């Protein structure tokens, strides 16, 4: 049985062989694609080996950026009677139910 590391090395070797052929091509677009793939080769092989992407963390980062943007100009959440506009808009951005005002 081939271990995960050996399989990774074999795929890396295969891609390097293809890169060698592609860079000797007389077609400049093929050479350009070969250079781009070579630059990102480790990340590409990791994706195909594990099938993990960072879309979830990018989505959460987007929510945090929205939260920060909506909270600009407010010094605190307590500024004037219950859940202020900063809290309400950020709670909506995160998909949460805002707390009722007292």
N, C-alpha and C. Protein backbone atom coordinates (compact mmCIF):
# COMPACT_ATOMS: atom_id res chain seq x y z
N UNK A 1 0.84 -1.18 0.00
CA UNK A 1 0.00 0.00 0.00
C UNK A 1 0.89 1.24 0.00
N UNK A 2 0.49 2.23 -0.77
CA UNK A 2 1.26 3.47 -0.86
C UNK A 2 0.78 4.42 0.22
N UNK A 3 1.73 4.95 1.00
CA UNK A 3 1.36 5.89 2.07
C UNK A 3 1.01 7.24 1.46
N UNK A 4 0.39 8.09 2.26
CA UNK A 4 -0.02 9.41 1.79
C UNK A 4 1.16 10.25 1.34
N UNK A 5 2.28 10.15 2.07
CA UNK A 5 3.47 10.93 1.72
C UNK A 5 4.05 10.45 0.39
N UNK A 6 4.13 9.12 0.20
CA UNK A 6 4.66 8.57 -1.06
C UNK A 6 3.79 8.98 -2.23
N UNK A 7 2.47 8.95 -2.04
CA UNK A 7 1.54 9.35 -3.09
C UNK A 7 1.75 10.82 -3.44
N UNK A 8 1.93 11.67 -2.42
CA UNK A 8 2.18 13.09 -2.64
C UNK A 8 3.46 13.29 -3.44
N UNK A 9 4.51 12.55 -3.09
CA UNK A 9 5.79 12.65 -3.79
C UNK A 9 5.64 12.21 -5.24
N UNK A 10 4.90 11.14 -5.48
CA UNK A 10 4.68 10.66 -6.86
C UNK A 10 3.93 11.69 -7.69
N UNK A 11 2.90 12.31 -7.11
CA UNK A 11 2.14 13.34 -7.82
C UNK A 11 3.01 14.55 -8.09
N UNK A 12 3.84 14.91 -7.11
CA UNK A 12 4.74 16.04 -7.27
C UNK A 12 5.73 15.76 -8.41
N UNK A 13 6.26 14.55 -8.45
CA UNK A 13 7.20 14.17 -9.50
C UNK A 13 6.53 14.21 -10.87
N UNK A 14 5.30 13.71 -10.95
CA UNK A 14 4.56 13.71 -12.21
C UNK A 14 4.32 15.15 -12.70
N UNK A 15 3.92 16.04 -11.78
CA UNK A 15 3.67 17.44 -12.15
C UNK A 15 4.95 18.14 -12.60
N UNK A 16 6.06 17.83 -11.94
CA UNK A 16 7.33 18.43 -12.35
C UNK A 16 7.74 17.95 -13.74
N UNK A 17 7.45 16.70 -14.06
CA UNK A 17 7.75 16.17 -15.39
C UNK A 17 6.90 16.91 -16.44
N UNK A 18 5.61 17.08 -16.15
CA UNK A 18 4.73 17.81 -17.08
C UNK A 18 5.22 19.25 -17.23
N UNK A 19 5.62 19.87 -16.12
CA UNK A 19 6.11 21.25 -16.16
C UNK A 19 7.32 21.36 -17.09
N UNK A 20 8.19 20.38 -17.02
CA UNK A 20 9.37 20.37 -17.88
C UNK A 20 8.98 20.34 -19.35
N UNK A 21 8.01 19.49 -19.69
CA UNK A 21 7.53 19.44 -21.07
C UNK A 21 6.85 20.75 -21.48
N UNK A 22 6.03 21.28 -20.59
CA UNK A 22 5.24 22.48 -20.92
C UNK A 22 6.13 23.70 -21.13
N UNK A 23 7.19 23.82 -20.34
CA UNK A 23 8.05 25.00 -20.47
C UNK A 23 8.90 24.95 -21.73
N UNK A 24 9.03 23.77 -22.32
CA UNK A 24 9.76 23.66 -23.59
C UNK A 24 8.85 23.87 -24.79
N UNK A 25 7.57 24.10 -24.53
CA UNK A 25 6.61 24.34 -25.60
C UNK A 25 6.92 25.68 -26.27
N UNK A 26 6.52 25.80 -27.52
CA UNK A 26 6.69 27.07 -28.22
C UNK A 26 5.46 27.96 -28.05
N UNK A 27 4.48 27.47 -27.33
CA UNK A 27 3.26 28.24 -27.11
C UNK A 27 3.37 29.00 -25.78
N UNK A 28 3.40 30.31 -25.86
CA UNK A 28 3.58 31.12 -24.66
C UNK A 28 2.44 30.95 -23.64
N UNK A 29 1.16 30.81 -24.07
CA UNK A 29 0.10 30.60 -23.08
C UNK A 29 0.30 29.30 -22.26
N UNK A 30 0.83 28.26 -22.89
CA UNK A 30 1.09 27.01 -22.17
C UNK A 30 2.19 27.23 -21.14
N UNK A 31 3.21 27.97 -21.51
CA UNK A 31 4.29 28.27 -20.58
C UNK A 31 3.79 29.09 -19.39
N UNK A 32 2.89 30.03 -19.68
CA UNK A 32 2.34 30.88 -18.62
C UNK A 32 1.54 30.04 -17.61
N UNK A 33 0.68 29.16 -18.13
CA UNK A 33 -0.11 28.29 -17.25
C UNK A 33 0.81 27.37 -16.45
N UNK A 34 1.85 26.86 -17.08
CA UNK A 34 2.79 25.98 -16.39
C UNK A 34 3.46 26.70 -15.23
N UNK A 35 3.86 27.96 -15.44
CA UNK A 35 4.49 28.73 -14.36
C UNK A 35 3.51 28.98 -13.22
N UNK A 36 2.26 29.29 -13.56
CA UNK A 36 1.24 29.54 -12.52
C UNK A 36 1.00 28.28 -11.71
N UNK A 37 0.85 27.15 -12.39
CA UNK A 37 0.61 25.88 -11.68
C UNK A 37 1.82 25.49 -10.84
N UNK A 38 3.01 25.72 -11.34
CA UNK A 38 4.22 25.40 -10.58
C UNK A 38 4.28 26.23 -9.31
N UNK A 39 3.91 27.50 -9.41
CA UNK A 39 3.92 28.40 -8.26
C UNK A 39 2.98 27.91 -7.16
N UNK A 40 1.82 27.35 -7.56
CA UNK A 40 0.79 26.92 -6.61
C UNK A 40 0.73 25.40 -6.43
N UNK A 41 1.75 24.69 -6.88
CA UNK A 41 1.70 23.23 -6.92
C UNK A 41 1.43 22.59 -5.57
N UNK A 42 2.13 22.99 -4.53
CA UNK A 42 1.93 22.37 -3.21
C UNK A 42 0.50 22.55 -2.72
N UNK A 43 -0.05 23.75 -2.89
CA UNK A 43 -1.44 24.00 -2.46
C UNK A 43 -2.43 23.18 -3.29
N UNK A 44 -2.20 23.07 -4.58
CA UNK A 44 -3.08 22.27 -5.43
C UNK A 44 -3.06 20.80 -5.02
N UNK A 45 -1.87 20.26 -4.79
CA UNK A 45 -1.78 18.86 -4.39
C UNK A 45 -2.40 18.63 -3.02
N UNK A 46 -2.24 19.59 -2.11
CA UNK A 46 -2.88 19.47 -0.80
C UNK A 46 -4.40 19.45 -0.93
N UNK A 47 -4.94 20.30 -1.80
CA UNK A 47 -6.40 20.32 -1.98
C UNK A 47 -6.88 18.97 -2.51
N UNK A 48 -6.24 18.46 -3.54
CA UNK A 48 -6.70 17.19 -4.11
C UNK A 48 -6.46 16.01 -3.16
N UNK A 49 -5.52 16.16 -2.25
CA UNK A 49 -5.27 15.10 -1.28
C UNK A 49 -6.25 15.11 -0.12
N UNK A 50 -6.70 16.31 0.28
CA UNK A 50 -7.54 16.43 1.48
C UNK A 50 -8.94 16.96 1.21
N UNK A 51 -9.16 17.62 0.07
CA UNK A 51 -10.46 18.19 -0.29
C UNK A 51 -10.97 19.17 0.77
N UNK A 52 -10.05 19.97 1.31
CA UNK A 52 -10.42 20.97 2.31
C UNK A 52 -10.19 22.36 1.72
N UNK A 53 -11.18 23.23 1.87
CA UNK A 53 -11.05 24.61 1.41
C UNK A 53 -11.31 25.55 2.58
N UNK A 54 -11.01 26.81 2.41
CA UNK A 54 -11.16 27.76 3.51
C UNK A 54 -12.40 28.64 3.34
N UNK A 55 -13.41 28.17 2.63
CA UNK A 55 -14.61 28.99 2.39
C UNK A 55 -15.32 29.34 3.70
N UNK A 56 -15.35 28.41 4.64
CA UNK A 56 -16.01 28.69 5.92
C UNK A 56 -15.34 29.81 6.68
N UNK A 57 -14.03 29.77 6.75
CA UNK A 57 -13.31 30.83 7.47
C UNK A 57 -13.42 32.16 6.72
N UNK A 58 -13.45 32.14 5.40
CA UNK A 58 -13.63 33.38 4.63
C UNK A 58 -15.02 33.96 4.88
N UNK A 59 -16.04 33.11 4.99
CA UNK A 59 -17.39 33.58 5.29
C UNK A 59 -17.47 34.22 6.66
N UNK A 60 -16.82 33.59 7.64
CA UNK A 60 -16.82 34.15 8.99
C UNK A 60 -16.05 35.47 9.01
N UNK A 61 -14.96 35.55 8.28
CA UNK A 61 -14.20 36.80 8.19
C UNK A 61 -15.07 37.91 7.61
N UNK A 62 -15.87 37.58 6.60
CA UNK A 62 -16.78 38.57 6.02
C UNK A 62 -17.78 39.08 7.06
N UNK A 63 -18.30 38.18 7.87
CA UNK A 63 -19.24 38.59 8.93
C UNK A 63 -18.56 39.53 9.93
N UNK A 64 -17.33 39.21 10.32
CA UNK A 64 -16.61 40.07 11.26
C UNK A 64 -16.33 41.45 10.65
N UNK A 65 -16.00 41.49 9.36
CA UNK A 65 -15.75 42.77 8.71
C UNK A 65 -17.03 43.61 8.68
N UNK A 66 -18.17 42.96 8.43
CA UNK A 66 -19.46 43.66 8.45
C UNK A 66 -19.74 44.18 9.85
N UNK A 67 -19.47 43.36 10.85
CA UNK A 67 -19.68 43.75 12.24
C UNK A 67 -18.85 44.98 12.58
N UNK A 68 -17.57 44.97 12.21
CA UNK A 68 -16.70 46.11 12.49
C UNK A 68 -17.17 47.35 11.74
N UNK A 69 -17.59 47.19 10.51
CA UNK A 69 -18.04 48.33 9.71
C UNK A 69 -19.29 48.96 10.31
N UNK A 70 -20.23 48.13 10.74
CA UNK A 70 -21.48 48.65 11.31
C UNK A 70 -21.27 49.28 12.68
N UNK A 71 -20.24 48.90 13.41
CA UNK A 71 -20.01 49.41 14.76
C UNK A 71 -19.18 50.69 14.76
N UNK A 72 -18.72 51.15 13.64
CA UNK A 72 -17.90 52.38 13.61
C UNK A 72 -18.71 53.57 14.09
N UNK A 73 -18.10 54.39 14.92
CA UNK A 73 -18.75 55.59 15.41
C UNK A 73 -19.44 55.41 16.75
N UNK A 74 -19.60 54.17 17.22
CA UNK A 74 -20.23 53.91 18.51
C UNK A 74 -19.14 53.58 19.52
N UNK A 75 -19.22 54.21 20.69
CA UNK A 75 -18.20 53.96 21.70
C UNK A 75 -18.48 52.69 22.49
N UNK A 76 -19.75 52.36 22.69
CA UNK A 76 -20.09 51.16 23.44
C UNK A 76 -21.48 50.71 23.03
N UNK A 77 -21.85 49.52 23.48
CA UNK A 77 -23.18 49.00 23.19
C UNK A 77 -24.23 49.62 24.12
N UNK A 78 -23.79 50.19 25.25
CA UNK A 78 -24.72 50.73 26.24
C UNK A 78 -25.06 52.18 26.00
N UNK A 79 -24.67 52.76 24.90
CA UNK A 79 -24.79 54.20 24.69
C UNK A 79 -26.18 54.71 24.43
N UNK A 80 -27.11 54.60 25.31
CA UNK A 80 -28.37 55.29 25.15
C UNK A 80 -29.61 54.43 25.14
N UNK A 81 -29.70 53.48 26.01
CA UNK A 81 -30.96 52.77 26.16
C UNK A 81 -31.02 51.43 25.48
N UNK A 82 -30.47 50.45 26.10
CA UNK A 82 -30.62 49.09 25.59
C UNK A 82 -29.72 48.78 24.41
N UNK A 83 -30.19 47.87 23.59
CA UNK A 83 -29.41 47.46 22.42
C UNK A 83 -29.50 48.56 21.38
N UNK A 84 -28.40 49.22 21.17
CA UNK A 84 -28.37 50.34 20.24
C UNK A 84 -28.29 49.87 18.80
N UNK A 85 -28.24 50.84 17.88
CA UNK A 85 -28.21 50.48 16.46
C UNK A 85 -26.99 49.67 16.07
N UNK A 86 -25.86 49.87 16.75
CA UNK A 86 -24.66 49.09 16.40
C UNK A 86 -24.90 47.62 16.70
N UNK A 87 -25.48 47.32 17.87
CA UNK A 87 -25.72 45.93 18.23
C UNK A 87 -26.76 45.30 17.32
N UNK A 88 -27.83 46.01 17.05
CA UNK A 88 -28.91 45.46 16.22
C UNK A 88 -28.41 45.10 14.83
N UNK A 89 -27.66 46.01 14.19
CA UNK A 89 -27.21 45.75 12.83
C UNK A 89 -26.16 44.65 12.80
N UNK A 90 -25.30 44.58 13.82
CA UNK A 90 -24.29 43.52 13.82
C UNK A 90 -24.92 42.18 14.13
N UNK A 91 -25.94 42.16 14.98
CA UNK A 91 -26.63 40.90 15.27
C UNK A 91 -27.31 40.38 14.01
N UNK A 92 -27.91 41.29 13.24
CA UNK A 92 -28.53 40.87 11.98
C UNK A 92 -27.47 40.36 11.01
N UNK A 93 -26.31 41.01 10.97
CA UNK A 93 -25.25 40.60 10.06
C UNK A 93 -24.75 39.20 10.39
N UNK A 94 -24.76 38.86 11.68
CA UNK A 94 -24.32 37.52 12.09
C UNK A 94 -25.45 36.50 12.07
N UNK A 95 -26.64 36.92 11.70
CA UNK A 95 -27.77 36.00 11.63
C UNK A 95 -28.35 35.68 13.00
N UNK A 96 -28.16 36.60 13.98
CA UNK A 96 -28.67 36.39 15.32
C UNK A 96 -29.91 37.24 15.54
N UNK A 97 -30.71 36.84 16.48
CA UNK A 97 -31.87 37.66 16.87
C UNK A 97 -31.37 38.74 17.82
N UNK A 98 -31.65 40.02 17.55
CA UNK A 98 -31.21 41.06 18.48
C UNK A 98 -31.94 40.96 19.81
N UNK A 99 -31.26 41.38 20.88
CA UNK A 99 -31.88 41.37 22.20
C UNK A 99 -32.92 42.47 22.27
N UNK A 100 -34.03 42.24 22.93
CA UNK A 100 -35.07 43.28 23.04
C UNK A 100 -34.58 44.42 23.93
N UNK A 101 -35.02 45.64 23.63
CA UNK A 101 -34.68 46.81 24.46
C UNK A 101 -35.48 46.75 25.73
N UNK A 102 -34.88 47.25 26.82
CA UNK A 102 -35.57 47.23 28.14
C UNK A 102 -36.31 48.48 28.36
